[in-house]
């Protein structure tokens, strides 16, 4: 009975990846490449990161003393 063919039941199974899965795979590959580039010359990249963090703090301090948004001058 199992070996009988049923003409009404015709299924075609196709393996298809979802768009989210493709998006995740593409970006995870890109992040892996980015981290591998960062690890190639780690000492230079550490100094670059320290410099950019320092610049970020300088921008925050400049924002505090800006005339338009400064609370210090309002007091």
PDB file of N, CA and C in Angstrom:
ATOM      1  N   UNK A   1       0.819  -1.198   0.000  1.00  0.00           N
ATOM      2  CA  UNK A   1       0.000   0.000   0.000  1.00  0.00           C
ATOM      3  C   UNK A   1       0.863   1.262   0.000  1.00  0.00           C
ATOM      4  N   UNK A   2       2.006   1.190   0.629  1.00  0.00           N
ATOM      5  CA  UNK A   2       2.878   2.351   0.663  1.00  0.00           C
ATOM      6  C   UNK A   2       3.493   2.596  -0.708  1.00  0.00           C
ATOM      7  N   UNK A   3       3.772   1.547  -1.436  1.00  0.00           N
ATOM      8  CA  UNK A   3       4.427   1.682  -2.729  1.00  0.00           C
ATOM      9  C   UNK A   3       3.490   2.140  -3.841  1.00  0.00           C
ATOM     10  N   UNK A   4       2.209   2.240  -3.544  1.00  0.00           N
ATOM     11  CA  UNK A   4       1.268   2.700  -4.563  1.00  0.00           C
ATOM     12  C   UNK A   4       1.498   4.179  -4.854  1.00  0.00           C
ATOM     13  N   UNK A   5       1.375   4.511  -6.094  1.00  0.00           N
ATOM     14  CA  UNK A   5       1.524   5.905  -6.485  1.00  0.00           C
ATOM     15  C   UNK A   5       0.168   6.588  -6.482  1.00  0.00           C
ATOM     16  N   UNK A   6       0.132   7.756  -5.930  1.00  0.00           N
ATOM     17  CA  UNK A   6      -1.102   8.538  -5.898  1.00  0.00           C
ATOM     18  C   UNK A   6      -0.938   9.694  -6.876  1.00  0.00           C
ATOM     19  N   UNK A   7      -1.695   9.706  -7.941  1.00  0.00           N
ATOM     20  CA  UNK A   7      -1.545  10.768  -8.944  1.00  0.00           C
ATOM     21  C   UNK A   7      -2.004  12.138  -8.451  1.00  0.00           C
ATOM     22  N   UNK A   8      -2.826  12.188  -7.403  1.00  0.00           N
ATOM     23  CA  UNK A   8      -3.323  13.474  -6.921  1.00  0.00           C
ATOM     24  C   UNK A   8      -2.302  14.185  -6.032  1.00  0.00           C
ATOM     25  N   UNK A   9      -1.400  13.424  -5.491  1.00  0.00           N
ATOM     26  CA  UNK A   9      -0.436  14.000  -4.574  1.00  0.00           C
ATOM     27  C   UNK A   9       0.923  14.117  -5.258  1.00  0.00           C
ATOM     28  N   UNK A  10       1.247  15.346  -5.684  1.00  0.00           N
ATOM     29  CA  UNK A  10       2.537  15.597  -6.315  1.00  0.00           C
ATOM     30  C   UNK A  10       3.208  16.744  -5.559  1.00  0.00           C
ATOM     31  N   UNK A  11       4.268  16.417  -4.879  1.00  0.00           N
ATOM     32  CA  UNK A  11       4.995  17.416  -4.106  1.00  0.00           C
ATOM     33  C   UNK A  11       6.384  17.587  -4.683  1.00  0.00           C
ATOM     34  N   UNK A  12       6.790  18.810  -4.712  1.00  0.00           N
ATOM     35  CA  UNK A  12       8.153  19.107  -5.125  1.00  0.00           C
ATOM     36  C   UNK A  12       8.777  19.944  -4.012  1.00  0.00           C
ATOM     37  N   UNK A  13       9.750  19.376  -3.335  1.00  0.00           N
ATOM     38  CA  UNK A  13      10.388  20.049  -2.226  1.00  0.00           C
ATOM     39  C   UNK A  13      11.637  20.758  -2.720  1.00  0.00           C
ATOM     40  N   UNK A  14      11.692  22.039  -2.411  1.00  0.00           N
ATOM     41  CA  UNK A  14      12.826  22.852  -2.820  1.00  0.00           C
ATOM     42  C   UNK A  14      13.382  23.536  -1.573  1.00  0.00           C
ATOM     43  N   UNK A  15      14.686  23.412  -1.381  1.00  0.00           N
ATOM     44  CA  UNK A  15      15.319  24.067  -0.247  1.00  0.00           C
ATOM     45  C   UNK A  15      15.567  25.526  -0.606  1.00  0.00           C
ATOM     46  N   UNK A  16      14.956  26.416   0.162  1.00  0.00           N
ATOM     47  CA  UNK A  16      15.071  27.842  -0.100  1.00  0.00           C
ATOM     48  C   UNK A  16      15.442  28.547   1.197  1.00  0.00           C
ATOM     49  N   UNK A  17      16.439  29.406   1.128  1.00  0.00           N
ATOM     50  CA  UNK A  17      16.834  30.152   2.317  1.00  0.00           C
ATOM     51  C   UNK A  17      16.025  31.445   2.416  1.00  0.00           C
ATOM     52  N   UNK A  18      15.763  31.831   3.626  1.00  0.00           N
ATOM     53  CA  UNK A  18      14.985  33.048   3.833  1.00  0.00           C
ATOM     54  C   UNK A  18      15.871  34.275   3.628  1.00  0.00           C
ATOM     55  N   UNK A  19      15.236  35.404   3.444  1.00  0.00           N
ATOM     56  CA  UNK A  19      15.992  36.642   3.242  1.00  0.00           C
ATOM     57  C   UNK A  19      16.734  37.039   4.512  1.00  0.00           C
ATOM     58  N   UNK A  20      16.135  36.757   5.686  1.00  0.00           N
ATOM     59  CA  UNK A  20      16.817  37.056   6.949  1.00  0.00           C
ATOM     60  C   UNK A  20      18.070  36.210   7.099  1.00  0.00           C
ATOM     61  N   UNK A  21      17.980  34.954   6.711  1.00  0.00           N
ATOM     62  CA  UNK A  21      19.139  34.068   6.793  1.00  0.00           C
ATOM     63  C   UNK A  21      20.264  34.543   5.877  1.00  0.00           C
ATOM     64  N   UNK A  22      19.932  34.967   4.685  1.00  0.00           N
ATOM     65  CA  UNK A  22      20.939  35.490   3.766  1.00  0.00           C
ATOM     66  C   UNK A  22      21.561  36.780   4.310  1.00  0.00           C
ATOM     67  N   UNK A  23      20.720  37.650   4.850  1.00  0.00           N
ATOM     68  CA  UNK A  23      21.193  38.909   5.444  1.00  0.00           C
ATOM     69  C   UNK A  23      22.151  38.618   6.600  1.00  0.00           C
ATOM     70  N   UNK A  24      21.767  37.699   7.468  1.00  0.00           N
ATOM     71  CA  UNK A  24      22.595  37.345   8.626  1.00  0.00           C
ATOM     72  C   UNK A  24      23.928  36.751   8.179  1.00  0.00           C
ATOM     73  N   UNK A  25      23.887  35.853   7.203  1.00  0.00           N
ATOM     74  CA  UNK A  25      25.121  35.227   6.726  1.00  0.00           C
ATOM     75  C   UNK A  25      26.057  36.247   6.079  1.00  0.00           C
ATOM     76  N   UNK A  26      25.509  37.147   5.279  1.00  0.00           N
ATOM     77  CA  UNK A  26      26.340  38.160   4.630  1.00  0.00           C
ATOM     78  C   UNK A  26      27.014  39.072   5.638  1.00  0.00           C
ATOM     79  N   UNK A  27      26.246  39.576   6.604  1.00  0.00           N
ATOM     80  CA  UNK A  27      26.809  40.517   7.558  1.00  0.00           C
ATOM     81  C   UNK A  27      27.702  39.846   8.584  1.00  0.00           C
ATOM     82  N   UNK A  28      27.430  38.603   8.924  1.00  0.00           N
ATOM     83  CA  UNK A  28      28.349  37.919   9.835  1.00  0.00           C
ATOM     84  C   UNK A  28      29.694  37.684   9.147  1.00  0.00           C
ATOM     85  N   UNK A  29      29.676  37.399   7.845  1.00  0.00           N
ATOM     86  CA  UNK A  29      30.926  37.276   7.095  1.00  0.00           C
ATOM     87  C   UNK A  29      31.687  38.604   7.062  1.00  0.00           C
ATOM     88  N   UNK A  30      30.961  39.706   6.853  1.00  0.00           N
ATOM     89  CA  UNK A  30      31.608  41.020   6.822  1.00  0.00           C
ATOM     90  C   UNK A  30      32.231  41.368   8.171  1.00  0.00           C
ATOM     91  N   UNK A  31      31.516  41.074   9.271  1.00  0.00           N
ATOM     92  CA  UNK A  31      32.074  41.353  10.590  1.00  0.00           C
ATOM     93  C   UNK A  31      33.290  40.481  10.877  1.00  0.00           C
ATOM     94  N   UNK A  32      33.269  39.239  10.429  1.00  0.00           N
ATOM     95  CA  UNK A  32      34.430  38.373  10.600  1.00  0.00           C
ATOM     96  C   UNK A  32      35.638  38.936   9.858  1.00  0.00           C
ATOM     97  N   UNK A  33      35.415  39.427   8.649  1.00  0.00           N
ATOM     98  CA  UNK A  33      36.508  40.039   7.886  1.00  0.00           C
ATOM     99  C   UNK A  33      37.035  41.292   8.586  1.00  0.00           C
ATOM    100  N   UNK A  34      36.125  42.100   9.127  1.00  0.00           N
ATOM    101  CA  UNK A  34      36.535  43.310   9.839  1.00  0.00           C
ATOM    102  C   UNK A  34      37.390  42.966  11.057  1.00  0.00           C
ATOM    103  N   UNK A  35      36.956  41.994  11.846  1.00  0.00           N
ATOM    104  CA  UNK A  35      37.716  41.617  13.031  1.00  0.00           C
ATOM    105  C   UNK A  35      39.047  40.982  12.661  1.00  0.00           C
ATOM    106  N   UNK A  36      39.096  40.240  11.575  1.00  0.00           N
ATOM    107  CA  UNK A  36      40.376  39.663  11.164  1.00  0.00           C
ATOM    108  C   UNK A  36      41.351  40.763  10.726  1.00  0.00           C
ATOM    109  N   UNK A  37      40.834  41.804  10.076  1.00  0.00           N
ATOM    110  CA  UNK A  37      41.691  42.936   9.703  1.00  0.00           C
ATOM    111  C   UNK A  37      42.178  43.674  10.956  1.00  0.00           C
ATOM    112  N   UNK A  38      41.291  43.833  11.946  1.00  0.00           N
ATOM    113  CA  UNK A  38      41.687  44.511  13.179  1.00  0.00           C
ATOM    114  C   UNK A  38      42.739  43.722  13.949  1.00  0.00           C
ATOM    115  N   UNK A  39      42.680  42.404  13.871  1.00  0.00           N
ATOM    116  CA  UNK A  39      43.629  41.590  14.630  1.00  0.00           C
ATOM    117  C   UNK A  39      44.978  41.434  13.939  1.00  0.00           C
ATOM    118  N   UNK A  40      45.067  41.812  12.680  1.00  0.00           N
ATOM    119  CA  UNK A  40      46.341  41.678  11.976  1.00  0.00           C
ATOM    120  C   UNK A  40      47.418  42.572  12.590  1.00  0.00           C
ATOM    121  N   UNK A  41      47.069  43.808  12.902  1.00  0.00           N
ATOM    122  CA  UNK A  41      48.026  44.750  13.475  1.00  0.00           C
ATOM    123  C   UNK A  41      47.386  45.347  14.719  1.00  0.00           C
ATOM    124  N   UNK A  42      47.356  44.569  15.777  1.00  0.00           N
ATOM    125  CA  UNK A  42      46.551  44.945  16.939  1.00  0.00           C
ATOM    126  C   UNK A  42      47.115  46.136  17.712  1.00  0.00           C
ATOM    127  N   UNK A  43      48.432  46.290  17.803  1.00  0.00           N
ATOM    128  CA  UNK A  43      49.003  47.404  18.575  1.00  0.00           C
ATOM    129  C   UNK A  43      48.623  48.747  17.953  1.00  0.00           C
ATOM    130  N   UNK A  44      48.741  48.845  16.646  1.00  0.00           N
ATOM    131  CA  UNK A  44      48.380  50.093  15.967  1.00  0.00           C
ATOM    132  C   UNK A  44      46.890  50.373  16.125  1.00  0.00           C
ATOM    133  N   UNK A  45      46.071  49.353  16.055  1.00  0.00           N
ATOM    134  CA  UNK A  45      44.630  49.546  16.177  1.00  0.00           C
ATOM    135  C   UNK A  45      44.222  49.937  17.596  1.00  0.00           C
ATOM    136  N   UNK A  46      44.948  49.451  18.600  1.00  0.00           N
ATOM    137  CA  UNK A  46      44.649  49.864  19.976  1.00  0.00           C
ATOM    138  C   UNK A  46      44.897  51.360  20.131  1.00  0.00           C
ATOM    139  N   UNK A  47      46.007  51.860  19.582  1.00  0.00           N
ATOM    140  CA  UNK A  47      46.289  53.298  19.676  1.00  0.00           C
ATOM    141  C   UNK A  47      45.253  54.112  18.898  1.00  0.00           C
ATOM    142  N   UNK A  48      44.817  53.596  17.760  1.00  0.00           N
ATOM    143  CA  UNK A  48      43.765  54.290  17.004  1.00  0.00           C
ATOM    144  C   UNK A  48      42.475  54.360  17.810  1.00  0.00           C
ATOM    145  N   UNK A  49      42.109  53.259  18.461  1.00  0.00           N
ATOM    146  CA  UNK A  49      40.885  53.252  19.263  1.00  0.00           C
ATOM    147  C   UNK A  49      41.000  54.215  20.440  1.00  0.00           C
ATOM    148  N   UNK A  50      42.162  54.254  21.082  1.00  0.00           N
ATOM    149  CA  UNK A  50      42.358  55.203  22.185  1.00  0.00           C
ATOM    150  C   UNK A  50      42.226  56.641  21.702  1.00  0.00           C
ATOM    151  N   UNK A  51      42.775  56.916  20.535  1.00  0.00           N
ATOM    152  CA  UNK A  51      42.681  58.263  19.966  1.00  0.00           C
ATOM    153  C   UNK A  51      41.231  58.635  19.672  1.00  0.00           C
ATOM    154  N   UNK A  52      40.463  57.702  19.090  1.00  0.00           N
ATOM    155  CA  UNK A  52      39.063  58.009  18.763  1.00  0.00           C
ATOM    156  C   UNK A  52      38.205  58.146  20.020  1.00  0.00           C
ATOM    157  N   UNK A  53      38.508  57.368  21.049  1.00  0.00           N
ATOM    158  CA  UNK A  53      37.786  57.522  22.320  1.00  0.00           C
ATOM    159  C   UNK A  53      38.092  58.885  22.926  1.00  0.00           C
ATOM    160  N   UNK A  54      39.350  59.286  22.875  1.00  0.00           N
ATOM    161  CA  UNK A  54      39.751  60.616  23.370  1.00  0.00           C
ATOM    162  C   UNK A  54      39.021  61.718  22.608  1.00  0.00           C
ATOM    163  N   UNK A  55      38.951  61.599  21.281  1.00  0.00           N
ATOM    164  CA  UNK A  55      38.218  62.590  20.494  1.00  0.00           C
ATOM    165  C   UNK A  55      36.735  62.621  20.859  1.00  0.00           C
ATOM    166  N   UNK A  56      36.160  61.473  21.140  1.00  0.00           N
ATOM    167  CA  UNK A  56      34.758  61.434  21.554  1.00  0.00           C
ATOM    168  C   UNK A  56      34.525  62.170  22.855  1.00  0.00           C
ATOM    169  N   UNK A  57      35.455  61.996  23.830  1.00  0.00           N
ATOM    170  CA  UNK A  57      35.327  62.725  25.087  1.00  0.00           C
ATOM    171  C   UNK A  57      35.516  64.225  24.895  1.00  0.00           C
ATOM    172  N   UNK A  58      36.410  64.609  24.031  1.00  0.00           N
ATOM    173  CA  UNK A  58      36.591  66.033  23.733  1.00  0.00           C
ATOM    174  C   UNK A  58      35.312  66.619  23.138  1.00  0.00           C
ATOM    175  N   UNK A  59      34.660  65.863  22.264  1.00  0.00           N
ATOM    176  CA  UNK A  59      33.398  66.342  21.686  1.00  0.00           C
ATOM    177  C   UNK A  59      32.328  66.486  22.752  1.00  0.00           C
ATOM    178  N   UNK A  60      32.280  65.548  23.708  1.00  0.00           N
ATOM    179  CA  UNK A  60      31.294  65.654  24.790  1.00  0.00           C
ATOM    180  C   UNK A  60      31.563  66.882  25.661  1.00  0.00           C
ATOM    181  N   UNK A  61      32.820  67.143  25.958  1.00  0.00           N
ATOM    182  CA  UNK A  61      33.158  68.311  26.762  1.00  0.00           C
ATOM    183  C   UNK A  61      32.824  69.595  26.003  1.00  0.00           C
ATOM    184  N   UNK A  62      33.095  69.632  24.717  1.00  0.00           N
ATOM    185  CA  UNK A  62      32.754  70.808  23.911  1.00  0.00           C
ATOM    186  C   UNK A  62      31.243  71.001  23.856  1.00  0.00           C
ATOM    187  N   UNK A  63      30.497  69.915  23.827  1.00  0.00           N
ATOM    188  CA  UNK A  63      29.035  70.012  23.811  1.00  0.00           C
ATOM    189  C   UNK A  63      28.521  70.622  25.116  1.00  0.00           C
ATOM    190  N   UNK A  64      29.148  70.270  26.241  1.00  0.00           N
ATOM    191  CA  UNK A  64      28.715  70.802  27.536  1.00  0.00           C
ATOM    192  C   UNK A  64      28.896  72.322  27.583  1.00  0.00           C
ATOM    193  N   UNK A  65      30.003  72.826  27.045  1.00  0.00           N
ATOM    194  CA  UNK A  65      30.294  74.251  27.119  1.00  0.00           C
ATOM    195  C   UNK A  65      29.789  75.039  25.910  1.00  0.00           C
ATOM    196  N   UNK A  66      29.049  74.413  25.025  1.00  0.00           N
ATOM    197  CA  UNK A  66      28.484  75.113  23.868  1.00  0.00           C
ATOM    198  C   UNK A  66      27.434  76.106  24.351  1.00  0.00           C
ATOM    199  N   UNK A  67      27.402  77.281  23.757  1.00  0.00           N
ATOM    200  CA  UNK A  67      26.491  78.333  24.215  1.00  0.00           C
ATOM    201  C   UNK A  67      25.028  77.978  24.008  1.00  0.00           C
ATOM    202  N   UNK A  68      24.722  77.252  22.967  1.00  0.00           N
ATOM    203  CA  UNK A  68      23.321  76.967  22.655  1.00  0.00           C
ATOM    204  C   UNK A  68      22.723  75.969  23.637  1.00  0.00           C
ATOM    205  N   UNK A  69      23.478  74.946  24.027  1.00  0.00           N
ATOM    206  CA  UNK A  69      22.926  73.896  24.879  1.00  0.00           C
ATOM    207  C   UNK A  69      23.467  73.922  26.290  1.00  0.00           C
ATOM    208  N   UNK A  70      24.268  74.894  26.621  1.00  0.00           N
ATOM    209  CA  UNK A  70      24.944  74.913  27.922  1.00  0.00           C
ATOM    210  C   UNK A  70      23.966  75.222  29.055  1.00  0.00           C
ATOM    211  N   UNK A  71      23.990  74.394  30.074  1.00  0.00           N
ATOM    212  CA  UNK A  71      23.214  74.651  31.295  1.00  0.00           C
ATOM    213  C   UNK A  71      24.027  75.537  32.227  1.00  0.00           C
ATOM    214  N   UNK A  72      25.346  75.522  32.072  1.00  0.00           N
ATOM    215  CA  UNK A  72      26.240  76.263  32.958  1.00  0.00           C
ATOM    216  C   UNK A  72      25.958  77.774  32.872  1.00  0.00           C
ATOM    217  N   UNK A  73      25.735  78.285  31.667  1.00  0.00           N
ATOM    218  CA  UNK A  73      25.464  79.726  31.506  1.00  0.00           C
ATOM    219  C   UNK A  73      24.051  80.085  31.968  1.00  0.00           C
ATOM    220  N   UNK A  74      23.130  79.109  31.945  1.00  0.00           N
ATOM    221  CA  UNK A  74      21.780  79.393  32.397  1.00  0.00           C
ATOM    222  C   UNK A  74      21.729  79.553  33.914  1.00  0.00           C
ATOM    223  N   UNK A  75      22.680  78.902  34.612  1.00  0.00           N
ATOM    224  CA  UNK A  75      22.706  79.007  36.071  1.00  0.00           C
ATOM    225  C   UNK A  75      23.352  80.306  36.444  1.00  0.00           C
TER     226      UNK A  75
END
